Amino acid sequence: MTTRRAERRFSDLQRRLQLSRESLQVLDEQIAVWSEAFDDARIRSLVGETPQLQRDFTELSRQLDVATRERLRRQQEVDALYAERDEFLRNWAPEELT
């Protein structure tokens, strides 16, 4: 692999990794907000015992579940990109050094 091509590949890996980490961070912030709203809705549904409050709680529960699964998927994506980058760096020897 030429040095220029390797540098482009490394830059692309770094860019994808940065975007994935940022995406994961945004999702973490959303989950924190939804968790707080979920706790509030749970208490309201228990105290209020109205169908609307129960629906709100159920909807927030679904959203939080979906977001948590998506967070796991994104974390796996970040981990895979780290592994790909590390493997690339282990195997790459710049032409100037060989």
C-alpha atoms as a PDB file:
ATOM      1  CA  MET A   1       0.000   0.000   0.000  1.00  0.00           C
ATOM      2  CA  THR A   2       1.416   3.356  -0.957  1.00  0.00           C
ATOM      3  CA  THR A   3       2.020   5.928   1.729  1.00  0.00           C
ATOM      4  CA  ARG A   4      -0.459   8.346   0.226  1.00  0.00           C
ATOM      5  CA  ARG A   5      -3.170   5.701  -0.003  1.00  0.00           C
ATOM      6  CA  ALA A   6      -2.453   4.544   3.544  1.00  0.00           C
ATOM      7  CA  GLU A   7      -2.643   8.092   4.841  1.00  0.00           C
ATOM      8  CA  ARG A   8      -6.025   8.567   3.142  1.00  0.00           C
ATOM      9  CA  ARG A   9      -7.295   5.324   4.629  1.00  0.00           C
ATOM     10  CA  PHE A  10      -6.060   6.312   8.084  1.00  0.00           C
ATOM     11  CA  SER A  11      -7.638   9.767   7.771  1.00  0.00           C
ATOM     12  CA  ASP A  12     -10.917   8.172   6.714  1.00  0.00           C
ATOM     13  CA  LEU A  13     -10.823   5.821   9.702  1.00  0.00           C
ATOM     14  CA  GLN A  14     -10.125   8.725  12.048  1.00  0.00           C
ATOM     15  CA  ARG A  15     -12.964  10.776  10.545  1.00  0.00           C
ATOM     16  CA  ARG A  16     -15.440   7.893  10.827  1.00  0.00           C
ATOM     17  CA  LEU A  17     -14.334   7.223  14.381  1.00  0.00           C
ATOM     18  CA  GLN A  18     -14.774  10.871  15.364  1.00  0.00           C
ATOM     19  CA  LEU A  19     -18.257  11.012  13.818  1.00  0.00           C
ATOM     20  CA  SER A  20     -19.261   7.784  15.540  1.00  0.00           C
ATOM     21  CA  ARG A  21     -18.019   9.007  18.921  1.00  0.00           C
ATOM     22  CA  GLU A  22     -19.902  12.299  18.498  1.00  0.00           C
ATOM     23  CA  SER A  23     -23.055  10.432  17.528  1.00  0.00           C
ATOM     24  CA  LEU A  24     -22.697   8.209  20.594  1.00  0.00           C
ATOM     25  CA  GLN A  25     -22.210  11.246  22.830  1.00  0.00           C
ATOM     26  CA  VAL A  26     -25.381  12.903  21.491  1.00  0.00           C
ATOM     27  CA  LEU A  27     -27.330   9.701  22.066  1.00  0.00           C
ATOM     28  CA  ASP A  28     -25.971   9.467  25.625  1.00  0.00           C
ATOM     29  CA  GLU A  29     -27.274  12.970  26.301  1.00  0.00           C
ATOM     30  CA  GLN A  30     -30.679  12.100  24.835  1.00  0.00           C
ATOM     31  CA  ILE A  31     -30.881   8.946  26.928  1.00  0.00           C
ATOM     32  CA  ALA A  32     -30.100  10.942  30.065  1.00  0.00           C
ATOM     33  CA  VAL A  33     -32.970  13.326  29.314  1.00  0.00           C
ATOM     34  CA  TRP A  34     -35.362  10.490  28.453  1.00  0.00           C
ATOM     35  CA  SER A  35     -34.375   8.594  31.602  1.00  0.00           C
ATOM     36  CA  GLU A  36     -35.274  11.574  33.711  1.00  0.00           C
ATOM     37  CA  ALA A  37     -38.590  11.978  31.875  1.00  0.00           C
ATOM     38  CA  PHE A  38     -39.201   8.233  32.224  1.00  0.00           C
ATOM     39  CA  ASP A  39     -38.736   8.359  35.992  1.00  0.00           C
ATOM     40  CA  ASP A  40     -41.085  11.331  36.207  1.00  0.00           C
ATOM     41  CA  ALA A  41     -43.698   9.607  34.015  1.00  0.00           C
ATOM     42  CA  ARG A  42     -43.458   6.424  36.082  1.00  0.00           C
ATOM     43  CA  ILE A  43     -44.208   8.303  39.271  1.00  0.00           C
ATOM     44  CA  ARG A  44     -47.029  10.282  37.648  1.00  0.00           C
ATOM     45  CA  SER A  45     -48.612   7.117  36.260  1.00  0.00           C
ATOM     46  CA  LEU A  46     -48.523   5.489  39.681  1.00  0.00           C
ATOM     47  CA  VAL A  47     -49.926   8.514  41.499  1.00  0.00           C
ATOM     48  CA  GLY A  48     -52.373   9.722  38.861  1.00  0.00           C
ATOM     49  CA  GLU A  49     -53.616   6.335  37.649  1.00  0.00           C
ATOM     50  CA  THR A  50     -55.166   7.838  34.503  1.00  0.00           C
ATOM     51  CA  PRO A  51     -55.044   6.153  31.087  1.00  0.00           C
ATOM     52  CA  GLN A  52     -53.227   9.134  29.560  1.00  0.00           C
ATOM     53  CA  LEU A  53     -50.496   9.068  32.181  1.00  0.00           C
ATOM     54  CA  GLN A  54     -50.110   5.311  31.669  1.00  0.00           C
ATOM     55  CA  ARG A  55     -49.827   5.815  27.880  1.00  0.00           C
ATOM     56  CA  ASP A  56     -47.190   8.524  28.412  1.00  0.00           C
ATOM     57  CA  PHE A  57     -45.223   6.178  30.647  1.00  0.00           C
ATOM     58  CA  THR A  58     -45.500   3.309  28.156  1.00  0.00           C
ATOM     59  CA  GLU A  59     -44.396   5.517  25.252  1.00  0.00           C
ATOM     60  CA  LEU A  60     -41.383   6.834  27.155  1.00  0.00           C
ATOM     61  CA  SER A  61     -40.524   3.289  28.149  1.00  0.00           C
ATOM     62  CA  ARG A  62     -40.504   2.236  24.479  1.00  0.00           C
ATOM     63  CA  GLN A  63     -38.424   5.249  23.447  1.00  0.00           C
ATOM     64  CA  LEU A  64     -35.887   4.572  26.161  1.00  0.00           C
ATOM     65  CA  ASP A  65     -35.692   0.898  25.210  1.00  0.00           C
ATOM     66  CA  VAL A  66     -35.105   1.735  21.533  1.00  0.00           C
ATOM     67  CA  ALA A  67     -32.520   4.380  22.398  1.00  0.00           C
ATOM     68  CA  THR A  68     -30.686   1.994  24.723  1.00  0.00           C
ATOM     69  CA  ARG A  69     -30.491  -0.663  21.992  1.00  0.00           C
ATOM     70  CA  GLU A  70     -29.287   1.966  19.513  1.00  0.00           C
ATOM     71  CA  ARG A  71     -26.654   3.093  21.998  1.00  0.00           C
ATOM     72  CA  LEU A  72     -25.361  -0.462  22.241  1.00  0.00           C
ATOM     73  CA  ARG A  73     -25.204  -0.690  18.431  1.00  0.00           C
ATOM     74  CA  ARG A  74     -23.324   2.608  18.184  1.00  0.00           C
ATOM     75  CA  GLN A  75     -20.904   1.594  20.935  1.00  0.00           C
ATOM     76  CA  GLN A  76     -20.171  -1.613  19.027  1.00  0.00           C
ATOM     77  CA  GLU A  77     -19.576   0.481  15.903  1.00  0.00           C
ATOM     78  CA  VAL A  78     -17.096   2.694  17.773  1.00  0.00           C
ATOM     79  CA  ASP A  79     -15.341  -0.363  19.201  1.00  0.00           C
ATOM     80  CA  ALA A  80     -15.105  -1.914  15.723  1.00  0.00           C
ATOM     81  CA  LEU A  81     -13.618   1.287  14.306  1.00  0.00           C
ATOM     82  CA  TYR A  82     -11.031   1.409  17.103  1.00  0.00           C
ATOM     83  CA  ALA A  83     -10.119  -2.209  16.371  1.00  0.00           C
ATOM     84  CA  GLU A  84      -9.893  -1.517  12.634  1.00  0.00           C
ATOM     85  CA  ARG A  85      -7.686   1.513  13.232  1.00  0.00           C
ATOM     86  CA  ASP A  86      -5.439  -0.374  15.641  1.00  0.00           C
ATOM     87  CA  GLU A  87      -5.087  -3.277  13.209  1.00  0.00           C
ATOM     88  CA  PHE A  88      -4.242  -0.862  10.412  1.00  0.00           C
ATOM     89  CA  LEU A  89      -1.555   0.808  12.524  1.00  0.00           C
ATOM     90  CA  ARG A  90      -0.073  -2.543  13.558  1.00  0.00           C
ATOM     91  CA  ASN A  91       0.243  -3.670   9.947  1.00  0.00           C
ATOM     92  CA  TRP A  92       1.201  -0.429   8.250  1.00  0.00           C
ATOM     93  CA  ALA A  93       4.835   0.359   7.703  1.00  0.00           C
ATOM     94  CA  PRO A  94       5.450   3.677   5.952  1.00  0.00           C
ATOM     95  CA  GLU A  95       7.550   3.321   2.809  1.00  0.00           C
ATOM     96  CA  GLU A  96      10.137   5.672   4.222  1.00  0.00           C
ATOM     97  CA  LEU A  97      10.823   3.255   7.079  1.00  0.00           C
ATOM     98  CA  THR A  98      10.957   0.028   5.058  1.00  0.00           C
END
